[in-house]
Amino acid sequence: MSAARILKMNRKDLQILAETRLSEAQALLKARKYSGAYYLAGYAVECALKACIAKQIKRYEFPDKKRVNDSYTHNLKDLLVLSSLNQALGDRCVADRTFRANWDLVTQWSEKSRYELADRAKTRELISAIMDSNSGVMPWVKQRW
């Protein structure tokens, strides 16, 4: 992607990027490259939440400057609030304790993880919390993006 393309990223681009990064995380896990897999798995959730934020911007709408600037974060909890999914998340957490545990685990991820070493167990746990078909974070977010 060129620099100009990055600046013009839209909802569909973010959806594709989220799925691509998660697929890459799985490949890195399989190749025993745990730190890279851990980082990319969390980054996939970041992209997915940003796709949810982008969904809220209507065509031809001039977006709120503060909301736009606040969206340039890597903090998953902040992105959840900006996506207006906090009530839906709360409802799901009450209904599904496993989902709640998965969300809590996923929010421990930080962009700073790119500077850290992750082991196999930590990486598998994160990817499982993200991808679990019944209580995973990514299937839940994808229903809303």
N, C-alpha and C. Protein backbone atom coordinates (compact mmCIF):
# COMPACT_ATOMS: atom_id res chain seq x y z
N MET A 1 0.83 -1.18 0.00
CA MET A 1 0.00 0.00 0.00
C MET A 1 0.87 1.25 0.00
N SER A 2 0.47 2.21 -0.77
CA SER A 2 1.20 3.48 -0.78
C SER A 2 0.75 4.32 0.41
N ALA A 3 1.51 5.37 0.71
CA ALA A 3 1.15 6.26 1.82
C ALA A 3 -0.21 6.89 1.56
N ALA A 4 -0.48 7.26 0.32
CA ALA A 4 -1.77 7.87 -0.01
C ALA A 4 -2.90 6.87 0.23
N ARG A 5 -2.68 5.62 -0.07
CA ARG A 5 -3.70 4.59 0.12
C ARG A 5 -4.00 4.40 1.60
N ILE A 6 -2.99 4.44 2.43
CA ILE A 6 -3.19 4.29 3.86
C ILE A 6 -4.07 5.41 4.40
N LEU A 7 -3.84 6.62 3.94
CA LEU A 7 -4.63 7.76 4.42
C LEU A 7 -6.08 7.66 3.99
N LYS A 8 -6.37 6.95 2.93
CA LYS A 8 -7.73 6.83 2.42
C LYS A 8 -8.37 5.49 2.77
N MET A 9 -7.90 4.88 3.82
CA MET A 9 -8.41 3.57 4.22
C MET A 9 -9.89 3.68 4.59
N ASN A 10 -10.68 2.75 4.06
CA ASN A 10 -12.11 2.76 4.36
C ASN A 10 -12.49 1.49 5.12
N ARG A 11 -13.78 1.36 5.37
CA ARG A 11 -14.29 0.23 6.15
C ARG A 11 -13.92 -1.11 5.53
N LYS A 12 -14.11 -1.25 4.24
CA LYS A 12 -13.81 -2.51 3.56
C LYS A 12 -12.31 -2.83 3.66
N ASP A 13 -11.47 -1.81 3.49
CA ASP A 13 -10.02 -2.00 3.63
C ASP A 13 -9.68 -2.53 5.02
N LEU A 14 -10.31 -1.95 6.03
CA LEU A 14 -10.05 -2.37 7.41
C LEU A 14 -10.54 -3.80 7.67
N GLN A 15 -11.66 -4.16 7.07
CA GLN A 15 -12.16 -5.53 7.20
C GLN A 15 -11.17 -6.52 6.58
N ILE A 16 -10.71 -6.20 5.38
CA ILE A 16 -9.75 -7.07 4.70
C ILE A 16 -8.46 -7.16 5.49
N LEU A 17 -8.00 -6.02 6.00
CA LEU A 17 -6.77 -5.99 6.78
C LEU A 17 -6.91 -6.82 8.06
N ALA A 18 -8.05 -6.73 8.72
CA ALA A 18 -8.28 -7.52 9.93
C ALA A 18 -8.20 -9.02 9.63
N GLU A 19 -8.87 -9.43 8.57
CA GLU A 19 -8.85 -10.85 8.21
C GLU A 19 -7.47 -11.31 7.77
N THR A 20 -6.78 -10.45 7.03
CA THR A 20 -5.42 -10.78 6.57
C THR A 20 -4.46 -10.91 7.74
N ARG A 21 -4.50 -9.97 8.67
CA ARG A 21 -3.59 -10.01 9.81
C ARG A 21 -3.86 -11.23 10.69
N LEU A 22 -5.12 -11.61 10.83
CA LEU A 22 -5.44 -12.79 11.62
C LEU A 22 -4.94 -14.06 10.93
N SER A 23 -5.08 -14.11 9.63
CA SER A 23 -4.57 -15.24 8.86
C SER A 23 -3.04 -15.32 8.97
N GLU A 24 -2.39 -14.16 8.90
CA GLU A 24 -0.93 -14.12 9.04
C GLU A 24 -0.51 -14.55 10.45
N ALA A 25 -1.28 -14.16 11.44
CA ALA A 25 -0.98 -14.57 12.82
C ALA A 25 -1.05 -16.09 12.95
N GLN A 26 -2.05 -16.69 12.32
CA GLN A 26 -2.18 -18.15 12.35
C GLN A 26 -0.98 -18.81 11.67
N ALA A 27 -0.56 -18.26 10.55
CA ALA A 27 0.59 -18.82 9.83
C ALA A 27 1.86 -18.70 10.67
N LEU A 28 2.03 -17.57 11.33
CA LEU A 28 3.20 -17.38 12.18
C LEU A 28 3.17 -18.32 13.39
N LEU A 29 1.99 -18.53 13.94
CA LEU A 29 1.86 -19.48 15.05
C LEU A 29 2.28 -20.87 14.60
N LYS A 30 1.79 -21.27 13.45
CA LYS A 30 2.14 -22.59 12.91
C LYS A 30 3.64 -22.70 12.65
N ALA A 31 4.27 -21.58 12.26
CA ALA A 31 5.71 -21.56 12.00
C ALA A 31 6.54 -21.33 13.26
N ARG A 32 5.86 -21.30 14.41
CA ARG A 32 6.51 -21.10 15.71
C ARG A 32 7.15 -19.72 15.86
N LYS A 33 6.60 -18.75 15.21
CA LYS A 33 7.03 -17.36 15.32
C LYS A 33 6.03 -16.65 16.24
N TYR A 34 6.12 -16.97 17.51
CA TYR A 34 5.07 -16.62 18.46
C TYR A 34 4.92 -15.12 18.69
N SER A 35 6.01 -14.40 18.78
CA SER A 35 5.91 -12.97 19.05
C SER A 35 5.21 -12.23 17.92
N GLY A 36 5.56 -12.54 16.69
CA GLY A 36 4.90 -11.93 15.55
C GLY A 36 3.44 -12.32 15.46
N ALA A 37 3.15 -13.58 15.76
CA ALA A 37 1.77 -14.05 15.74
C ALA A 37 0.94 -13.33 16.79
N TYR A 38 1.50 -13.16 17.96
CA TYR A 38 0.79 -12.47 19.05
C TYR A 38 0.47 -11.03 18.64
N TYR A 39 1.47 -10.34 18.15
CA TYR A 39 1.26 -8.94 17.76
C TYR A 39 0.20 -8.82 16.67
N LEU A 40 0.31 -9.62 15.62
CA LEU A 40 -0.63 -9.51 14.50
C LEU A 40 -2.04 -9.91 14.89
N ALA A 41 -2.18 -10.86 15.79
CA ALA A 41 -3.52 -11.26 16.23
C ALA A 41 -4.23 -10.09 16.91
N GLY A 42 -3.54 -9.42 17.79
CA GLY A 42 -4.13 -8.25 18.46
C GLY A 42 -4.39 -7.12 17.49
N TYR A 43 -3.48 -6.94 16.55
CA TYR A 43 -3.64 -5.89 15.55
C TYR A 43 -4.87 -6.17 14.67
N ALA A 44 -5.16 -7.43 14.44
CA ALA A 44 -6.36 -7.79 13.67
C ALA A 44 -7.63 -7.30 14.37
N VAL A 45 -7.68 -7.44 15.68
CA VAL A 45 -8.84 -6.95 16.44
C VAL A 45 -8.91 -5.43 16.37
N GLU A 46 -7.76 -4.78 16.46
CA GLU A 46 -7.73 -3.32 16.31
C GLU A 46 -8.34 -2.90 14.97
N CYS A 47 -7.93 -3.53 13.90
CA CYS A 47 -8.46 -3.20 12.57
C CYS A 47 -9.95 -3.48 12.49
N ALA A 48 -10.40 -4.57 13.10
CA ALA A 48 -11.83 -4.92 13.07
C ALA A 48 -12.65 -3.87 13.80
N LEU A 49 -12.17 -3.41 14.95
CA LEU A 49 -12.90 -2.37 15.68
C LEU A 49 -12.90 -1.05 14.91
N LYS A 50 -11.81 -0.77 14.23
CA LYS A 50 -11.77 0.45 13.41
C LYS A 50 -12.74 0.35 12.24
N ALA A 51 -12.96 -0.85 11.72
CA ALA A 51 -13.98 -1.04 10.68
C ALA A 51 -15.37 -0.73 11.23
N CYS A 52 -15.60 -1.08 12.49
CA CYS A 52 -16.89 -0.75 13.13
C CYS A 52 -17.06 0.76 13.28
N ILE A 53 -15.97 1.44 13.59
CA ILE A 53 -16.02 2.91 13.68
C ILE A 53 -16.31 3.50 12.31
N ALA A 54 -15.63 2.99 11.29
CA ALA A 54 -15.83 3.49 9.93
C ALA A 54 -17.26 3.28 9.46
N LYS A 55 -17.90 2.22 9.91
CA LYS A 55 -19.29 1.94 9.53
C LYS A 55 -20.23 3.06 9.97
N GLN A 56 -19.87 3.75 11.03
CA GLN A 56 -20.73 4.81 11.56
C GLN A 56 -20.65 6.10 10.76
N ILE A 57 -19.64 6.24 9.94
CA ILE A 57 -19.48 7.47 9.15
C ILE A 57 -20.28 7.32 7.86
N LYS A 58 -21.23 8.17 7.70
CA LYS A 58 -22.11 8.12 6.53
C LYS A 58 -21.44 8.81 5.34
N ARG A 59 -21.81 8.34 4.17
CA ARG A 59 -21.28 8.92 2.95
C ARG A 59 -21.66 10.40 2.89
N TYR A 60 -20.72 11.21 2.52
CA TYR A 60 -20.87 12.66 2.40
C TYR A 60 -21.00 13.37 3.74
N GLU A 61 -20.83 12.65 4.82
CA GLU A 61 -20.88 13.27 6.14
C GLU A 61 -19.50 13.81 6.49
N PHE A 62 -19.46 14.98 7.07
CA PHE A 62 -18.21 15.53 7.55
C PHE A 62 -18.03 15.05 8.99
N PRO A 63 -17.08 14.15 9.24
CA PRO A 63 -16.98 13.54 10.57
C PRO A 63 -16.46 14.51 11.63
N ASP A 64 -16.83 14.24 12.85
CA ASP A 64 -16.39 15.01 14.00
C ASP A 64 -14.88 14.87 14.17
N LYS A 65 -14.18 16.00 14.25
CA LYS A 65 -12.71 16.00 14.32
C LYS A 65 -12.19 15.24 15.54
N LYS A 66 -12.79 15.46 16.69
CA LYS A 66 -12.33 14.78 17.90
C LYS A 66 -12.48 13.27 17.76
N ARG A 67 -13.61 12.85 17.23
CA ARG A 67 -13.85 11.41 17.05
C ARG A 67 -12.83 10.81 16.10
N VAL A 68 -12.54 11.52 15.02
CA VAL A 68 -11.54 11.05 14.07
C VAL A 68 -10.18 10.95 14.75
N ASN A 69 -9.77 12.01 15.43
CA ASN A 69 -8.46 12.01 16.10
C ASN A 69 -8.38 10.92 17.17
N ASP A 70 -9.46 10.75 17.92
CA ASP A 70 -9.47 9.72 18.96
C ASP A 70 -9.37 8.31 18.37
N SER A 71 -9.79 8.15 17.13
CA SER A 71 -9.74 6.84 16.47
C SER A 71 -8.32 6.41 16.14
N TYR A 72 -7.40 7.34 16.15
CA TYR A 72 -6.00 7.01 15.88
C TYR A 72 -5.33 6.55 17.17
N THR A 73 -5.84 5.45 17.69
CA THR A 73 -5.30 4.83 18.90
C THR A 73 -5.19 3.34 18.65
N HIS A 74 -4.40 2.70 19.49
CA HIS A 74 -4.27 1.25 19.42
C HIS A 74 -4.97 0.59 20.61
N ASN A 75 -5.53 1.39 21.51
CA ASN A 75 -6.15 0.88 22.72
C ASN A 75 -7.51 0.26 22.38
N LEU A 76 -7.62 -1.04 22.58
CA LEU A 76 -8.83 -1.76 22.18
C LEU A 76 -10.06 -1.32 22.97
N LYS A 77 -9.90 -1.01 24.24
CA LYS A 77 -11.04 -0.55 25.03
C LYS A 77 -11.54 0.81 24.53
N ASP A 78 -10.62 1.70 24.19
CA ASP A 78 -11.01 3.00 23.64
C ASP A 78 -11.69 2.84 22.29
N LEU A 79 -11.17 1.95 21.46
CA LEU A 79 -11.78 1.72 20.15
C LEU A 79 -13.19 1.13 20.30
N LEU A 80 -13.38 0.29 21.29
CA LEU A 80 -14.72 -0.26 21.53
C LEU A 80 -15.71 0.86 21.83
N VAL A 81 -15.32 1.79 22.69
CA VAL A 81 -16.20 2.91 23.03
C VAL A 81 -16.49 3.75 21.79
N LEU A 82 -15.46 4.05 21.00
CA LEU A 82 -15.63 4.84 19.78
C LEU A 82 -16.53 4.14 18.76
N SER A 83 -16.54 2.82 18.80
CA SER A 83 -17.38 2.05 17.87
C SER A 83 -18.83 1.98 18.33
N SER A 84 -19.10 2.51 19.52
CA SER A 84 -20.45 2.49 20.12
C SER A 84 -20.96 1.08 20.38
N LEU A 85 -20.03 0.17 20.62
CA LEU A 85 -20.41 -1.22 20.89
C LEU A 85 -20.31 -1.59 22.37
N ASN A 86 -20.05 -0.61 23.23
CA ASN A 86 -19.85 -0.94 24.64
C ASN A 86 -21.09 -1.55 25.30
N GLN A 87 -22.28 -1.09 24.95
CA GLN A 87 -23.50 -1.69 25.52
C GLN A 87 -23.69 -3.12 25.02
N ALA A 88 -23.48 -3.30 23.73
CA ALA A 88 -23.60 -4.65 23.15
C ALA A 88 -22.57 -5.60 23.77
N LEU A 89 -21.36 -5.09 23.99
CA LEU A 89 -20.33 -5.91 24.63
C LEU A 89 -20.75 -6.27 26.04
N GLY A 90 -21.24 -5.31 26.79
CA GLY A 90 -21.69 -5.57 28.15
C GLY A 90 -22.77 -6.63 28.20
N ASP A 91 -23.72 -6.53 27.28
CA ASP A 91 -24.80 -7.52 27.21
C ASP A 91 -24.25 -8.91 26.92
N ARG A 92 -23.31 -8.99 25.99
CA ARG A 92 -22.73 -10.29 25.63
C ARG A 92 -21.91 -10.86 26.78
N CYS A 93 -21.19 -10.00 27.48
CA CYS A 93 -20.38 -10.46 28.61
C CYS A 93 -21.25 -11.03 29.73
N VAL A 94 -22.42 -10.44 29.95
CA VAL A 94 -23.34 -10.96 30.96
C VAL A 94 -23.90 -12.31 30.52
N ALA A 95 -24.20 -12.43 29.25
CA ALA A 95 -24.81 -13.66 28.72
C ALA A 95 -23.81 -14.80 28.52
N ASP A 96 -22.53 -14.47 28.36
CA ASP A 96 -21.53 -15.49 27.99
C ASP A 96 -20.24 -15.23 28.76
N ARG A 97 -20.03 -15.99 29.82
CA ARG A 97 -18.86 -15.79 30.67
C ARG A 97 -17.56 -16.11 29.93
N THR A 98 -17.61 -17.05 29.03
CA THR A 98 -16.41 -17.38 28.24
C THR A 98 -16.05 -16.21 27.34
N PHE A 99 -17.05 -15.60 26.72
CA PHE A 99 -16.79 -14.41 25.90
C PHE A 99 -16.17 -13.31 26.76
N ARG A 100 -16.70 -13.12 27.95
CA ARG A 100 -16.16 -12.09 28.85
C ARG A 100 -14.68 -12.35 29.14
N ALA A 101 -14.34 -13.59 29.44
CA ALA A 101 -12.94 -13.95 29.70
C ALA A 101 -12.09 -13.72 28.45
N ASN A 102 -12.63 -14.05 27.29
CA ASN A 102 -11.90 -13.82 26.04
C ASN A 102 -11.67 -12.34 25.80
N TRP A 103 -12.71 -11.52 26.00
CA TRP A 103 -12.56 -10.07 25.82
C TRP A 103 -11.51 -9.52 26.79
N ASP A 104 -11.58 -9.93 28.03
CA ASP A 104 -10.60 -9.47 29.02
C ASP A 104 -9.18 -9.83 28.61
N LEU A 105 -9.01 -11.02 28.09
CA LEU A 105 -7.69 -11.45 27.63
C LEU A 105 -7.22 -10.63 26.43
N VAL A 106 -8.10 -10.43 25.48
CA VAL A 106 -7.75 -9.69 24.26
C VAL A 106 -7.37 -8.25 24.60
N THR A 107 -8.04 -7.64 25.56
CA THR A 107 -7.74 -6.25 25.90
C THR A 107 -6.42 -6.09 26.63
N GLN A 108 -5.77 -7.18 26.98
CA GLN A 108 -4.42 -7.10 27.54
C GLN A 108 -3.38 -6.85 26.44
N TRP A 109 -3.79 -7.07 25.18
CA TRP A 109 -2.90 -6.82 24.05
C TRP A 109 -2.65 -5.32 23.94
N SER A 110 -1.47 -4.97 23.50
CA SER A 110 -1.10 -3.57 23.27
C SER A 110 -0.18 -3.53 22.06
N GLU A 111 -0.19 -2.39 21.37
CA GLU A 111 0.74 -2.25 20.25
C GLU A 111 2.18 -2.36 20.72
N LYS A 112 2.42 -2.17 22.00
CA LYS A 112 3.76 -2.30 22.55
C LYS A 112 4.23 -3.76 22.52
N SER A 113 3.31 -4.68 22.29
CA SER A 113 3.70 -6.09 22.24
C SER A 113 4.66 -6.37 21.09
N ARG A 114 4.71 -5.48 20.12
CA ARG A 114 5.66 -5.68 19.02
C ARG A 114 7.10 -5.63 19.51
N TYR A 115 7.31 -5.07 20.69
CA TYR A 115 8.65 -4.99 21.27
C TYR A 115 8.90 -6.06 22.32
N GLU A 116 7.94 -6.97 22.49
CA GLU A 116 8.04 -7.99 23.52
C GLU A 116 8.11 -9.38 22.90
N LEU A 117 8.62 -10.31 23.67
CA LEU A 117 8.64 -11.70 23.23
C LEU A 117 7.44 -12.43 23.83
N ALA A 118 6.75 -13.16 23.00
CA ALA A 118 5.60 -13.95 23.46
C ALA A 118 5.93 -15.43 23.26
N ASP A 119 5.48 -16.24 24.20
CA ASP A 119 5.72 -17.68 24.07
C ASP A 119 4.52 -18.36 23.41
N ARG A 120 4.66 -19.65 23.19
CA ARG A 120 3.63 -20.43 22.51
C ARG A 120 2.29 -20.39 23.25
N ALA A 121 2.33 -20.60 24.55
CA ALA A 121 1.09 -20.67 25.33
C ALA A 121 0.33 -19.35 25.30
N LYS A 122 1.03 -18.26 25.51
CA LYS A 122 0.40 -16.93 25.51
C LYS A 122 -0.21 -16.62 24.14
N THR A 123 0.51 -16.97 23.10
CA THR A 123 0.05 -16.70 21.74
C THR A 123 -1.16 -17.55 21.38
N ARG A 124 -1.11 -18.82 21.70
CA ARG A 124 -2.25 -19.70 21.42
C ARG A 124 -3.49 -19.25 22.20
N GLU A 125 -3.28 -18.82 23.41
CA GLU A 125 -4.40 -18.36 24.24
C GLU A 125 -5.06 -17.12 23.62
N LEU A 126 -4.24 -16.17 23.15
CA LEU A 126 -4.78 -14.96 22.53
C LEU A 126 -5.52 -15.30 21.24
N ILE A 127 -4.91 -16.08 20.39
CA ILE A 127 -5.54 -16.42 19.11
C ILE A 127 -6.84 -17.20 19.34
N SER A 128 -6.86 -18.07 20.31
CA SER A 128 -8.08 -18.80 20.63
C SER A 128 -9.17 -17.85 21.13
N ALA A 129 -8.81 -16.90 21.98
CA ALA A 129 -9.78 -15.93 22.50
C ALA A 129 -10.34 -15.07 21.38
N ILE A 130 -9.54 -14.82 20.38
CA ILE A 130 -9.98 -14.01 19.24
C ILE A 130 -10.85 -14.83 18.30
N MET A 131 -10.45 -16.06 18.01
CA MET A 131 -11.07 -16.83 16.93
C MET A 131 -12.14 -17.83 17.34
N ASP A 132 -12.28 -18.15 18.59
CA ASP A 132 -13.24 -19.16 19.01
C ASP A 132 -14.59 -18.93 18.34
N SER A 133 -15.11 -19.97 17.70
CA SER A 133 -16.33 -19.81 16.91
C SER A 133 -17.57 -19.52 17.76
N ASN A 134 -17.58 -19.94 19.01
CA ASN A 134 -18.73 -19.70 19.88
C ASN A 134 -18.61 -18.44 20.73
N SER A 135 -17.41 -18.20 21.26
CA SER A 135 -17.23 -17.11 22.21
C SER A 135 -16.04 -16.23 21.89
N GLY A 136 -15.61 -16.24 20.65
CA GLY A 136 -14.45 -15.45 20.26
C GLY A 136 -14.80 -13.99 19.99
N VAL A 137 -13.82 -13.15 20.16
CA VAL A 137 -14.00 -11.71 19.96
C VAL A 137 -14.21 -11.38 18.48
N MET A 138 -13.44 -11.99 17.60
CA MET A 138 -13.53 -11.63 16.18
C MET A 138 -14.89 -11.98 15.56
N PRO A 139 -15.43 -13.17 15.79
CA PRO A 139 -16.76 -13.43 15.23
C PRO A 139 -17.81 -12.43 15.73
N TRP A 140 -17.71 -12.03 16.97
CA TRP A 140 -18.64 -11.05 17.54
C TRP A 140 -18.49 -9.69 16.86
N VAL A 141 -17.25 -9.25 16.69
CA VAL A 141 -17.01 -7.95 16.04
C VAL A 141 -17.46 -8.00 14.59
N LYS A 142 -17.16 -9.09 13.90
CA LYS A 142 -17.52 -9.20 12.48
C LYS A 142 -19.03 -9.13 12.26
N GLN A 143 -19.82 -9.53 13.22
CA GLN A 143 -21.28 -9.40 13.10
C GLN A 143 -21.71 -7.93 13.12
N ARG A 144 -20.83 -7.05 13.54
CA ARG A 144 -21.17 -5.65 13.73
C ARG A 144 -20.40 -4.71 12.82
N TRP A 145 -19.53 -5.23 11.99
CA TRP A 145 -18.73 -4.32 11.17
C TRP A 145 -19.37 -4.07 9.83
